[in-house]
C-alpha cells in the first residue's frame, strides 16, 4: 500500500542546510581596546580575545598603542591594527572588576571578562600569547643552571599581595642548601633576596615566559608570573592574601592561603571599592595577613613539587 505523502520526510536540500548554518555577523562598527591592569590581566585579555576570535573571525578590534602592552598583543589574530583612536572611537569593556558579580568574590575574573566580549560562560580558561615563545641564547648562557631550577617572584604591583622579604630569604636559604638554583625575577626596584640569582629588571615579559618553560616550577605571589606559569603549563606554588585563588588562581597550581578571615580589615582592603588601596602598604605592618603564612605551609607545597 502506498504511503501517505504526509508521512514522507523529505531530506533537506543543500541550500536549506546552508540557510540553517549560523554565519558570523559582520560587526557594525570597529571597537577599540585600551588595556588596563598588569601583565597578568593582559594574558587573560589575550586569551578571551582568542576565544572571541575563534567564535567569530570577522569581529576584530583596534588596540590603543601603549608601550607596556603592545609587545604582548602584537600579532594577535583578533587585533586589526595598533594605533591611536579618533575622538569618536567606541571602546570594548576590558574591566571585570566593575561587574556586579565580581564584588561577591564567587565569580572568576576570566569568566567575567569573557562575558564582556559576548562569550557564553563558562569557557575554558586558556591563556594566549601571539607568536613563538623563543628563548634568549644570552640568558641561557649566563645562567648557572643546576639539576633543579626554581623561579621566585616575590613582588607584585600591590604591596598588599607581598610577603616580607625575610620570609623569602628563609625560603631561598633552605632551597640553596639542597642544591637548588633559585632565580629571582621582577623589577629593578624590588628587594633582592639574598642567595637568589638575580635577573631583576633584566628580562622582558616574553623572556620571562621562556625562562619559566625551562625551570622546574615557580614560587610566586599573585602576579604576572602566576598567569605565565599557567600559560606554559608549568607547576607553581602561589601565595595568597587579600586576593583569592578561587577568583584568579588555576586548579593545577598549589595554593597557600593566608589567614585572611582573622583580619579586622579584610572587607576594607582590595576590591572594586578600594582601588585606592592597591598601591599602598597594609596599615597592619608586621601583622599583615601575608606575613602570617608559615614557612611550614610553603615548604609543604614546595616539597610536593621537588
C-alpha atoms as a PDB file:
ATOM      1  CA  UNK A   1       0.000   0.000   0.000  1.00  0.00           C
ATOM      2  CA  UNK A   2       1.382   3.421  -0.950  1.00  0.00           C
ATOM      3  CA  UNK A   3       2.450   5.613   1.994  1.00  0.00           C
ATOM      4  CA  UNK A   4       0.707   8.911   2.537  1.00  0.00           C
ATOM      5  CA  UNK A   5       2.688  11.905   1.342  1.00  0.00           C
ATOM      6  CA  UNK A   6       2.264  13.476   4.809  1.00  0.00           C
ATOM      7  CA  UNK A   7       4.304  10.698   6.374  1.00  0.00           C
ATOM      8  CA  UNK A   8       7.194  11.030   3.964  1.00  0.00           C
ATOM      9  CA  UNK A   9      10.042  13.135   5.412  1.00  0.00           C
ATOM     10  CA  UNK A  10      11.991  14.763   2.647  1.00  0.00           C
ATOM     11  CA  UNK A  11      15.711  15.263   3.125  1.00  0.00           C
ATOM     12  CA  UNK A  12      16.602  18.937   3.296  1.00  0.00           C
ATOM     13  CA  UNK A  13      18.307  20.293   0.213  1.00  0.00           C
ATOM     14  CA  UNK A  14      21.874  21.630   0.299  1.00  0.00           C
ATOM     15  CA  UNK A  15      20.507  25.136   0.011  1.00  0.00           C
ATOM     16  CA  UNK A  16      18.334  24.575   3.084  1.00  0.00           C
ATOM     17  CA  UNK A  17      21.331  23.308   5.050  1.00  0.00           C
ATOM     18  CA  UNK A  18      23.317  26.406   4.149  1.00  0.00           C
ATOM     19  CA  UNK A  19      20.425  28.604   5.229  1.00  0.00           C
ATOM     20  CA  UNK A  20      20.379  26.980   8.652  1.00  0.00           C
ATOM     21  CA  UNK A  21      24.133  27.372   9.148  1.00  0.00           C
ATOM     22  CA  UNK A  22      24.981  30.189  11.503  1.00  0.00           C
ATOM     23  CA  UNK A  23      27.044  32.793   9.700  1.00  0.00           C
ATOM     24  CA  UNK A  24      29.201  35.075  11.868  1.00  0.00           C
ATOM     25  CA  UNK A  25      27.835  38.596  11.972  1.00  0.00           C
ATOM     26  CA  UNK A  26      29.905  41.350  10.462  1.00  0.00           C
ATOM     27  CA  UNK A  27      30.385  43.984  13.190  1.00  0.00           C
ATOM     28  CA  UNK A  28      28.563  47.253  12.528  1.00  0.00           C
ATOM     29  CA  UNK A  29      31.402  49.333  13.949  1.00  0.00           C
ATOM     30  CA  UNK A  30      35.022  48.948  14.908  1.00  0.00           C
ATOM     31  CA  UNK A  31      35.703  48.748  18.617  1.00  0.00           C
ATOM     32  CA  UNK A  32      38.922  49.800  20.301  1.00  0.00           C
ATOM     33  CA  UNK A  33      40.655  48.102  23.203  1.00  0.00           C
ATOM     34  CA  UNK A  34      42.502  50.162  25.801  1.00  0.00           C
ATOM     35  CA  UNK A  35      44.093  47.567  28.119  1.00  0.00           C
ATOM     36  CA  UNK A  36      44.213  48.194  31.853  1.00  0.00           C
ATOM     37  CA  UNK A  37      45.856  46.316  34.696  1.00  0.00           C
ATOM     38  CA  UNK A  38      49.094  44.370  34.899  1.00  0.00           C
ATOM     39  CA  UNK A  39      50.693  41.864  32.544  1.00  0.00           C
ATOM     40  CA  UNK A  40      48.616  39.074  34.103  1.00  0.00           C
ATOM     41  CA  UNK A  41      45.433  40.934  33.142  1.00  0.00           C
ATOM     42  CA  UNK A  42      46.794  41.257  29.590  1.00  0.00           C
ATOM     43  CA  UNK A  43      47.355  37.499  29.337  1.00  0.00           C
ATOM     44  CA  UNK A  44      43.761  36.929  30.433  1.00  0.00           C
ATOM     45  CA  UNK A  45      42.512  39.535  27.948  1.00  0.00           C
ATOM     46  CA  UNK A  46      44.566  37.911  25.184  1.00  0.00           C
ATOM     47  CA  UNK A  47      43.041  34.517  25.990  1.00  0.00           C
ATOM     48  CA  UNK A  48      39.496  35.904  25.930  1.00  0.00           C
ATOM     49  CA  UNK A  49      40.157  37.729  22.634  1.00  0.00           C
ATOM     50  CA  UNK A  50      41.377  34.462  21.088  1.00  0.00           C
ATOM     51  CA  UNK A  51      38.205  32.689  22.211  1.00  0.00           C
ATOM     52  CA  UNK A  52      36.077  35.517  20.785  1.00  0.00           C
ATOM     53  CA  UNK A  53      38.011  35.415  17.512  1.00  0.00           C
ATOM     54  CA  UNK A  54      37.585  31.645  17.201  1.00  0.00           C
ATOM     55  CA  UNK A  55      33.844  32.133  17.640  1.00  0.00           C
ATOM     56  CA  UNK A  56      33.592  34.987  15.139  1.00  0.00           C
ATOM     57  CA  UNK A  57      36.709  35.663  12.987  1.00  0.00           C
ATOM     58  CA  UNK A  58      35.005  38.691  11.436  1.00  0.00           C
ATOM     59  CA  UNK A  59      34.979  40.513  14.781  1.00  0.00           C
ATOM     60  CA  UNK A  60      38.314  42.259  15.165  1.00  0.00           C
ATOM     61  CA  UNK A  61      39.462  45.076  17.406  1.00  0.00           C
ATOM     62  CA  UNK A  62      41.834  48.006  17.237  1.00  0.00           C
ATOM     63  CA  UNK A  63      44.418  48.256  20.011  1.00  0.00           C
ATOM     64  CA  UNK A  64      45.421  51.545  21.602  1.00  0.00           C
ATOM     65  CA  UNK A  65      49.184  51.845  21.247  1.00  0.00           C
ATOM     66  CA  UNK A  66      50.729  51.595  24.703  1.00  0.00           C
ATOM     67  CA  UNK A  67      54.371  50.621  25.123  1.00  0.00           C
ATOM     68  CA  UNK A  68      53.725  48.361  28.091  1.00  0.00           C
ATOM     69  CA  UNK A  69      51.199  46.088  26.378  1.00  0.00           C
ATOM     70  CA  UNK A  70      51.824  46.251  22.639  1.00  0.00           C
ATOM     71  CA  UNK A  71      54.617  43.665  22.668  1.00  0.00           C
ATOM     72  CA  UNK A  72      52.382  41.040  24.282  1.00  0.00           C
ATOM     73  CA  UNK A  73      49.404  41.592  21.963  1.00  0.00           C
ATOM     74  CA  UNK A  74      51.186  42.367  18.698  1.00  0.00           C
ATOM     75  CA  UNK A  75      50.249  39.837  16.031  1.00  0.00           C
ATOM     76  CA  UNK A  76      47.086  38.714  17.824  1.00  0.00           C
ATOM     77  CA  UNK A  77      44.544  37.379  15.305  1.00  0.00           C
ATOM     78  CA  UNK A  78      41.778  39.435  16.924  1.00  0.00           C
ATOM     79  CA  UNK A  79      43.748  42.694  16.604  1.00  0.00           C
ATOM     80  CA  UNK A  80      43.263  44.547  13.315  1.00  0.00           C
ATOM     81  CA  UNK A  81      45.594  47.459  13.922  1.00  0.00           C
ATOM     82  CA  UNK A  82      47.579  49.175  16.657  1.00  0.00           C
ATOM     83  CA  UNK A  83      47.348  52.941  16.791  1.00  0.00           C
ATOM     84  CA  UNK A  84      45.604  55.938  18.269  1.00  0.00           C
ATOM     85  CA  UNK A  85      41.792  56.124  18.425  1.00  0.00           C
ATOM     86  CA  UNK A  86      39.821  59.023  16.922  1.00  0.00           C
ATOM     87  CA  UNK A  87      37.746  61.293  19.160  1.00  0.00           C
ATOM     88  CA  UNK A  88      34.521  59.411  18.405  1.00  0.00           C
ATOM     89  CA  UNK A  89      36.023  55.950  18.949  1.00  0.00           C
ATOM     90  CA  UNK A  90      34.000  53.356  20.853  1.00  0.00           C
ATOM     91  CA  UNK A  91      35.694  51.002  23.297  1.00  0.00           C
ATOM     92  CA  UNK A  92      35.133  47.403  24.348  1.00  0.00           C
ATOM     93  CA  UNK A  93      34.848  46.870  28.097  1.00  0.00           C
ATOM     94  CA  UNK A  94      38.043  45.196  29.321  1.00  0.00           C
ATOM     95  CA  UNK A  95      37.301  45.627  33.028  1.00  0.00           C
ATOM     96  CA  UNK A  96      35.999  42.676  35.001  1.00  0.00           C
ATOM     97  CA  UNK A  97      36.306  44.346  38.407  1.00  0.00           C
ATOM     98  CA  UNK A  98      33.429  46.723  37.720  1.00  0.00           C
ATOM     99  CA  UNK A  99      30.987  43.860  37.228  1.00  0.00           C
ATOM    100  CA  UNK A 100      28.391  43.388  39.986  1.00  0.00           C
ATOM    101  CA  UNK A 101      29.228  39.683  40.224  1.00  0.00           C
ATOM    102  CA  UNK A 102      32.904  40.419  40.885  1.00  0.00           C
ATOM    103  CA  UNK A 103      32.215  42.023  44.238  1.00  0.00           C
ATOM    104  CA  UNK A 104      30.771  38.811  45.639  1.00  0.00           C
ATOM    105  CA  UNK A 105      34.108  37.025  45.214  1.00  0.00           C
ATOM    106  CA  UNK A 106      32.308  33.977  43.814  1.00  0.00           C
ATOM    107  CA  UNK A 107      32.915  34.664  40.137  1.00  0.00           C
ATOM    108  CA  UNK A 108      36.224  34.139  38.380  1.00  0.00           C
ATOM    109  CA  UNK A 109      37.891  37.099  36.699  1.00  0.00           C
ATOM    110  CA  UNK A 110      38.462  35.246  33.421  1.00  0.00           C
ATOM    111  CA  UNK A 111      34.801  34.272  33.144  1.00  0.00           C
ATOM    112  CA  UNK A 112      33.593  37.816  33.831  1.00  0.00           C
ATOM    113  CA  UNK A 113      35.979  39.138  31.186  1.00  0.00           C
ATOM    114  CA  UNK A 114      34.676  36.554  28.726  1.00  0.00           C
ATOM    115  CA  UNK A 115      31.114  37.749  29.344  1.00  0.00           C
ATOM    116  CA  UNK A 116      32.209  41.296  28.454  1.00  0.00           C
ATOM    117  CA  UNK A 117      33.076  40.014  24.986  1.00  0.00           C
ATOM    118  CA  UNK A 118      29.792  38.210  24.458  1.00  0.00           C
ATOM    119  CA  UNK A 119      31.009  34.688  25.171  1.00  0.00           C
ATOM    120  CA  UNK A 120      28.681  32.181  26.767  1.00  0.00           C
ATOM    121  CA  UNK A 121      30.261  31.120  30.032  1.00  0.00           C
ATOM    122  CA  UNK A 122      31.747  29.037  31.469  1.00  0.00           C
ATOM    123  CA  UNK A 123      34.594  28.923  28.954  1.00  0.00           C
ATOM    124  CA  UNK A 124      37.933  27.146  29.067  1.00  0.00           C
ATOM    125  CA  UNK A 125      40.432  29.431  30.789  1.00  0.00           C
ATOM    126  CA  UNK A 126      43.142  29.091  28.188  1.00  0.00           C
ATOM    127  CA  UNK A 127      45.615  31.961  28.018  1.00  0.00           C
ATOM    128  CA  UNK A 128      47.162  33.000  24.720  1.00  0.00           C
ATOM    129  CA  UNK A 129      50.368  34.692  23.587  1.00  0.00           C
ATOM    130  CA  UNK A 130      50.729  35.585  19.881  1.00  0.00           C
ATOM    131  CA  UNK A 131      53.857  34.345  18.137  1.00  0.00           C
ATOM    132  CA  UNK A 132      56.527  31.921  19.254  1.00  0.00           C
ATOM    133  CA  UNK A 133      57.930  31.855  22.789  1.00  0.00           C
ATOM    134  CA  UNK A 134      61.618  31.873  21.933  1.00  0.00           C
ATOM    135  CA  UNK A 135      64.435  31.516  24.435  1.00  0.00           C
ATOM    136  CA  UNK A 136      67.204  34.078  24.720  1.00  0.00           C
ATOM    137  CA  UNK A 137      70.596  32.436  23.936  1.00  0.00           C
ATOM    138  CA  UNK A 138      72.477  35.002  26.034  1.00  0.00           C
ATOM    139  CA  UNK A 139      70.328  34.374  29.113  1.00  0.00           C
ATOM    140  CA  UNK A 140      70.627  30.636  28.642  1.00  0.00           C
ATOM    141  CA  UNK A 141      74.400  31.005  28.557  1.00  0.00           C
ATOM    142  CA  UNK A 142      74.909  33.222  31.614  1.00  0.00           C
ATOM    143  CA  UNK A 143      72.550  31.419  33.999  1.00  0.00           C
ATOM    144  CA  UNK A 144      74.452  28.790  36.068  1.00  0.00           C
ATOM    145  CA  UNK A 145      71.845  26.061  35.580  1.00  0.00           C
ATOM    146  CA  UNK A 146      71.638  23.175  38.031  1.00  0.00           C
ATOM    147  CA  UNK A 147      69.742  19.914  38.130  1.00  0.00           C
ATOM    148  CA  UNK A 148      66.844  21.674  39.871  1.00  0.00           C
ATOM    149  CA  UNK A 149      65.978  25.277  38.942  1.00  0.00           C
ATOM    150  CA  UNK A 150      63.205  27.307  40.518  1.00  0.00           C
ATOM    151  CA  UNK A 151      61.970  30.819  39.754  1.00  0.00           C
ATOM    152  CA  UNK A 152      60.748  33.017  42.592  1.00  0.00           C
ATOM    153  CA  UNK A 153      58.693  36.178  42.064  1.00  0.00           C
ATOM    154  CA  UNK A 154      58.113  37.815  45.466  1.00  0.00           C
ATOM    155  CA  UNK A 155      56.854  41.164  44.159  1.00  0.00           C
ATOM    156  CA  UNK A 156      53.513  42.473  42.962  1.00  0.00           C
ATOM    157  CA  UNK A 157      52.127  45.774  41.691  1.00  0.00           C
ATOM    158  CA  UNK A 158      50.258  45.839  45.005  1.00  0.00           C
ATOM    159  CA  UNK A 159      52.350  45.731  48.225  1.00  0.00           C
ATOM    160  CA  UNK A 160      49.330  44.162  49.934  1.00  0.00           C
ATOM    161  CA  UNK A 161      49.890  40.976  47.945  1.00  0.00           C
ATOM    162  CA  UNK A 162      53.523  40.684  49.051  1.00  0.00           C
ATOM    163  CA  UNK A 163      55.144  38.730  51.857  1.00  0.00           C
ATOM    164  CA  UNK A 164      58.014  40.142  53.949  1.00  0.00           C
ATOM    165  CA  UNK A 165      61.433  39.739  52.214  1.00  0.00           C
ATOM    166  CA  UNK A 166      62.852  37.913  55.246  1.00  0.00           C
ATOM    167  CA  UNK A 167      60.432  35.045  54.690  1.00  0.00           C
ATOM    168  CA  UNK A 168      61.639  34.794  51.096  1.00  0.00           C
ATOM    169  CA  UNK A 169      65.235  34.812  52.329  1.00  0.00           C
ATOM    170  CA  UNK A 170      64.472  31.783  54.507  1.00  0.00           C
ATOM    171  CA  UNK A 171      62.922  30.007  51.515  1.00  0.00           C
ATOM    172  CA  UNK A 172      65.956  30.688  49.309  1.00  0.00           C
ATOM    173  CA  UNK A 173      68.393  29.675  52.057  1.00  0.00           C
ATOM    174  CA  UNK A 174      66.747  26.309  52.528  1.00  0.00           C
ATOM    175  CA  UNK A 175      66.463  25.599  48.802  1.00  0.00           C
ATOM    176  CA  UNK A 176      70.059  26.546  48.000  1.00  0.00           C
ATOM    177  CA  UNK A 177      71.230  24.317  50.856  1.00  0.00           C
ATOM    178  CA  UNK A 178      69.630  21.453  48.951  1.00  0.00           C
ATOM    179  CA  UNK A 179      71.468  22.298  45.741  1.00  0.00           C
ATOM    180  CA  UNK A 180      68.603  24.094  44.019  1.00  0.00           C
ATOM    181  CA  UNK A 181      69.274  27.137  41.834  1.00  0.00           C
ATOM    182  CA  UNK A 182      66.796  29.867  42.809  1.00  0.00           C
ATOM    183  CA  UNK A 183      66.329  32.582  40.180  1.00  0.00           C
ATOM    184  CA  UNK A 184      64.636  35.813  41.248  1.00  0.00           C
ATOM    185  CA  UNK A 185      62.735  37.811  38.636  1.00  0.00           C
ATOM    186  CA  UNK A 186      60.994  41.150  38.890  1.00  0.00           C
ATOM    187  CA  UNK A 187      61.535  44.899  38.628  1.00  0.00           C
ATOM    188  CA  UNK A 188      64.661  46.945  39.324  1.00  0.00           C
ATOM    189  CA  UNK A 189      63.055  48.438  42.441  1.00  0.00           C
ATOM    190  CA  UNK A 190      62.360  45.039  44.021  1.00  0.00           C
ATOM    191  CA  UNK A 191      64.300  43.957  47.095  1.00  0.00           C
ATOM    192  CA  UNK A 192      66.900  41.397  46.090  1.00  0.00           C
ATOM    193  CA  UNK A 193      66.546  38.209  48.107  1.00  0.00           C
ATOM    194  CA  UNK A 194      69.978  37.185  49.393  1.00  0.00           C
ATOM    195  CA  UNK A 195      71.170  33.917  47.875  1.00  0.00           C
ATOM    196  CA  UNK A 196      68.935  34.088  44.809  1.00  0.00           C
ATOM    197  CA  UNK A 197      70.397  34.506  41.325  1.00  0.00           C
ATOM    198  CA  UNK A 198      69.099  37.947  40.378  1.00  0.00           C
ATOM    199  CA  UNK A 199      67.557  38.719  36.992  1.00  0.00           C
ATOM    200  CA  UNK A 200      65.778  41.799  38.347  1.00  0.00           C
ATOM    201  CA  UNK A 201      64.993  44.232  35.524  1.00  0.00           C
ATOM    202  CA  UNK A 202      66.931  42.089  33.030  1.00  0.00           C
ATOM    203  CA  UNK A 203      64.086  40.366  31.214  1.00  0.00           C
ATOM    204  CA  UNK A 204      61.144  41.332  29.054  1.00  0.00           C
ATOM    205  CA  UNK A 205      57.780  39.614  29.690  1.00  0.00           C
ATOM    206  CA  UNK A 206      58.399  37.272  26.748  1.00  0.00           C
ATOM    207  CA  UNK A 207      61.888  36.383  28.004  1.00  0.00           C
ATOM    208  CA  UNK A 208      60.411  35.676  31.433  1.00  0.00           C
ATOM    209  CA  UNK A 209      57.881  33.301  29.919  1.00  0.00           C
ATOM    210  CA  UNK A 210      60.620  31.421  28.062  1.00  0.00           C
ATOM    211  CA  UNK A 211      62.612  31.124  31.316  1.00  0.00           C
ATOM    212  CA  UNK A 212      59.611  29.701  33.145  1.00  0.00           C
ATOM    213  CA  UNK A 213      59.404  26.970  30.491  1.00  0.00           C
ATOM    214  CA  UNK A 214      62.984  25.938  31.292  1.00  0.00           C
ATOM    215  CA  UNK A 215      62.606  25.790  35.077  1.00  0.00           C
ATOM    216  CA  UNK A 216      61.078  23.040  37.192  1.00  0.00           C
ATOM    217  CA  UNK A 217      58.447  25.265  38.794  1.00  0.00           C
ATOM    218  CA  UNK A 218      57.830  28.733  40.237  1.00  0.00           C
ATOM    219  CA  UNK A 219      57.079  30.070  43.704  1.00  0.00           C
ATOM    220  CA  UNK A 220      55.225  33.348  43.468  1.00  0.00           C
ATOM    221  CA  UNK A 221      52.688  35.747  44.868  1.00  0.00           C
ATOM    222  CA  UNK A 222      49.571  36.710  42.890  1.00  0.00           C
ATOM    223  CA  UNK A 223      51.219  38.368  39.883  1.00  0.00           C
ATOM    224  CA  UNK A 224      52.099  38.029  36.193  1.00  0.00           C
ATOM    225  CA  UNK A 225      54.388  35.042  36.837  1.00  0.00           C
ATOM    226  CA  UNK A 226      51.444  33.010  38.144  1.00  0.00           C
ATOM    227  CA  UNK A 227      49.495  33.592  34.910  1.00  0.00           C
ATOM    228  CA  UNK A 228      52.613  32.973  32.801  1.00  0.00           C
ATOM    229  CA  UNK A 229      53.132  29.602  34.525  1.00  0.00           C
ATOM    230  CA  UNK A 230      49.564  28.635  33.603  1.00  0.00           C
ATOM    231  CA  UNK A 231      50.184  29.767  30.014  1.00  0.00           C
ATOM    232  CA  UNK A 232      53.122  27.362  29.564  1.00  0.00           C
ATOM    233  CA  UNK A 233      51.594  24.647  31.790  1.00  0.00           C
ATOM    234  CA  UNK A 234      54.307  24.900  34.454  1.00  0.00           C
ATOM    235  CA  UNK A 235      53.709  23.905  38.114  1.00  0.00           C
ATOM    236  CA  UNK A 236      53.576  26.704  40.665  1.00  0.00           C
ATOM    237  CA  UNK A 237      53.273  27.366  44.375  1.00  0.00           C
ATOM    238  CA  UNK A 238      51.199  30.531  44.733  1.00  0.00           C
ATOM    239  CA  UNK A 239      50.921  32.589  47.925  1.00  0.00           C
ATOM    240  CA  UNK A 240      47.579  34.328  48.505  1.00  0.00           C
ATOM    241  CA  UNK A 241      46.414  37.083  50.838  1.00  0.00           C
ATOM    242  CA  UNK A 242      43.830  39.773  50.075  1.00  0.00           C
ATOM    243  CA  UNK A 243      43.121  38.323  46.614  1.00  0.00           C
ATOM    244  CA  UNK A 244      41.527  34.892  46.235  1.00  0.00           C
ATOM    245  CA  UNK A 245      42.715  31.777  44.456  1.00  0.00           C
ATOM    246  CA  UNK A 246      39.111  30.898  43.557  1.00  0.00           C
ATOM    247  CA  UNK A 247      38.875  34.187  41.620  1.00  0.00           C
ATOM    248  CA  UNK A 248      42.310  34.332  39.976  1.00  0.00           C
ATOM    249  CA  UNK A 249      44.151  31.068  40.592  1.00  0.00           C
ATOM    250  CA  UNK A 250      44.382  27.923  38.483  1.00  0.00           C
ATOM    251  CA  UNK A 251      43.449  24.415  39.531  1.00  0.00           C
ATOM    252  CA  UNK A 252      46.777  22.809  38.566  1.00  0.00           C
ATOM    253  CA  UNK A 253      48.749  25.070  40.926  1.00  0.00           C
ATOM    254  CA  UNK A 254      49.319  24.574  44.652  1.00  0.00           C
ATOM    255  CA  UNK A 255      47.759  27.416  46.650  1.00  0.00           C
ATOM    256  CA  UNK A 256      48.918  28.596  50.063  1.00  0.00           C
ATOM    257  CA  UNK A 257      46.303  30.860  51.654  1.00  0.00           C
ATOM    258  CA  UNK A 258      46.961  33.486  54.320  1.00  0.00           C
ATOM    259  CA  UNK A 259      44.569  33.501  57.322  1.00  0.00           C
ATOM    260  CA  UNK A 260      42.585  36.446  55.933  1.00  0.00           C
ATOM    261  CA  UNK A 261      39.448  35.647  57.915  1.00  0.00           C
ATOM    262  CA  UNK A 262      41.266  36.665  61.103  1.00  0.00           C
ATOM    263  CA  UNK A 263      41.911  40.162  59.751  1.00  0.00           C
ATOM    264  CA  UNK A 264      39.715  43.016  61.008  1.00  0.00           C
ATOM    265  CA  UNK A 265      40.338  44.956  57.780  1.00  0.00           C
ATOM    266  CA  UNK A 266      39.548  42.135  55.353  1.00  0.00           C
ATOM    267  CA  UNK A 267      36.475  43.944  53.998  1.00  0.00           C
ATOM    268  CA  UNK A 268      38.351  47.211  53.514  1.00  0.00           C
ATOM    269  CA  UNK A 269      41.492  46.015  51.746  1.00  0.00           C
ATOM    270  CA  UNK A 270      41.362  45.330  47.997  1.00  0.00           C
ATOM    271  CA  UNK A 271      38.386  45.174  45.682  1.00  0.00           C
ATOM    272  CA  UNK A 272      36.177  47.277  43.404  1.00  0.00           C
ATOM    273  CA  UNK A 273      35.503  49.925  46.044  1.00  0.00           C
ATOM    274  CA  UNK A 274      39.052  50.067  47.355  1.00  0.00           C
ATOM    275  CA  UNK A 275      41.187  50.616  44.267  1.00  0.00           C
ATOM    276  CA  UNK A 276      42.893  53.480  46.097  1.00  0.00           C
ATOM    277  CA  UNK A 277      44.473  50.880  48.409  1.00  0.00           C
ATOM    278  CA  UNK A 278      46.090  48.903  45.591  1.00  0.00           C
ATOM    279  CA  UNK A 279      49.441  50.703  45.597  1.00  0.00           C
ATOM    280  CA  UNK A 280      49.595  51.194  49.375  1.00  0.00           C
ATOM    281  CA  UNK A 281      51.125  49.172  52.177  1.00  0.00           C
ATOM    282  CA  UNK A 282      48.888  47.315  54.586  1.00  0.00           C
ATOM    283  CA  UNK A 283      48.408  49.504  57.716  1.00  0.00           C
ATOM    284  CA  UNK A 284      48.840  46.424  59.919  1.00  0.00           C
ATOM    285  CA  UNK A 285      52.569  46.301  59.041  1.00  0.00           C
ATOM    286  CA  UNK A 286      54.051  43.082  60.506  1.00  0.00           C
ATOM    287  CA  UNK A 287      50.535  41.816  61.242  1.00  0.00           C
ATOM    288  CA  UNK A 288      49.765  41.909  57.520  1.00  0.00           C
ATOM    289  CA  UNK A 289      47.998  38.682  56.522  1.00  0.00           C
ATOM    290  CA  UNK A 290      50.727  37.639  54.057  1.00  0.00           C
ATOM    291  CA  UNK A 291      53.269  37.682  56.885  1.00  0.00           C
ATOM    292  CA  UNK A 292      51.189  35.107  58.753  1.00  0.00           C
ATOM    293  CA  UNK A 293      51.806  32.431  56.154  1.00  0.00           C
ATOM    294  CA  UNK A 294      54.197  29.974  57.794  1.00  0.00           C
ATOM    295  CA  UNK A 295      57.319  28.514  56.222  1.00  0.00           C
ATOM    296  CA  UNK A 296      55.965  25.063  57.019  1.00  0.00           C
ATOM    297  CA  UNK A 297      52.923  25.761  54.809  1.00  0.00           C
ATOM    298  CA  UNK A 298      55.109  26.969  51.961  1.00  0.00           C
ATOM    299  CA  UNK A 299      57.617  24.120  52.125  1.00  0.00           C
ATOM    300  CA  UNK A 300      54.874  21.555  52.383  1.00  0.00           C
ATOM    301  CA  UNK A 301      53.784  22.687  48.926  1.00  0.00           C
ATOM    302  CA  UNK A 302      57.326  23.098  47.567  1.00  0.00           C
ATOM    303  CA  UNK A 303      58.400  19.579  48.554  1.00  0.00           C
ATOM    304  CA  UNK A 304      55.417  18.133  46.729  1.00  0.00           C
ATOM    305  CA  UNK A 305      56.880  19.572  43.533  1.00  0.00           C
ATOM    306  CA  UNK A 306      60.540  18.881  44.343  1.00  0.00           C
END
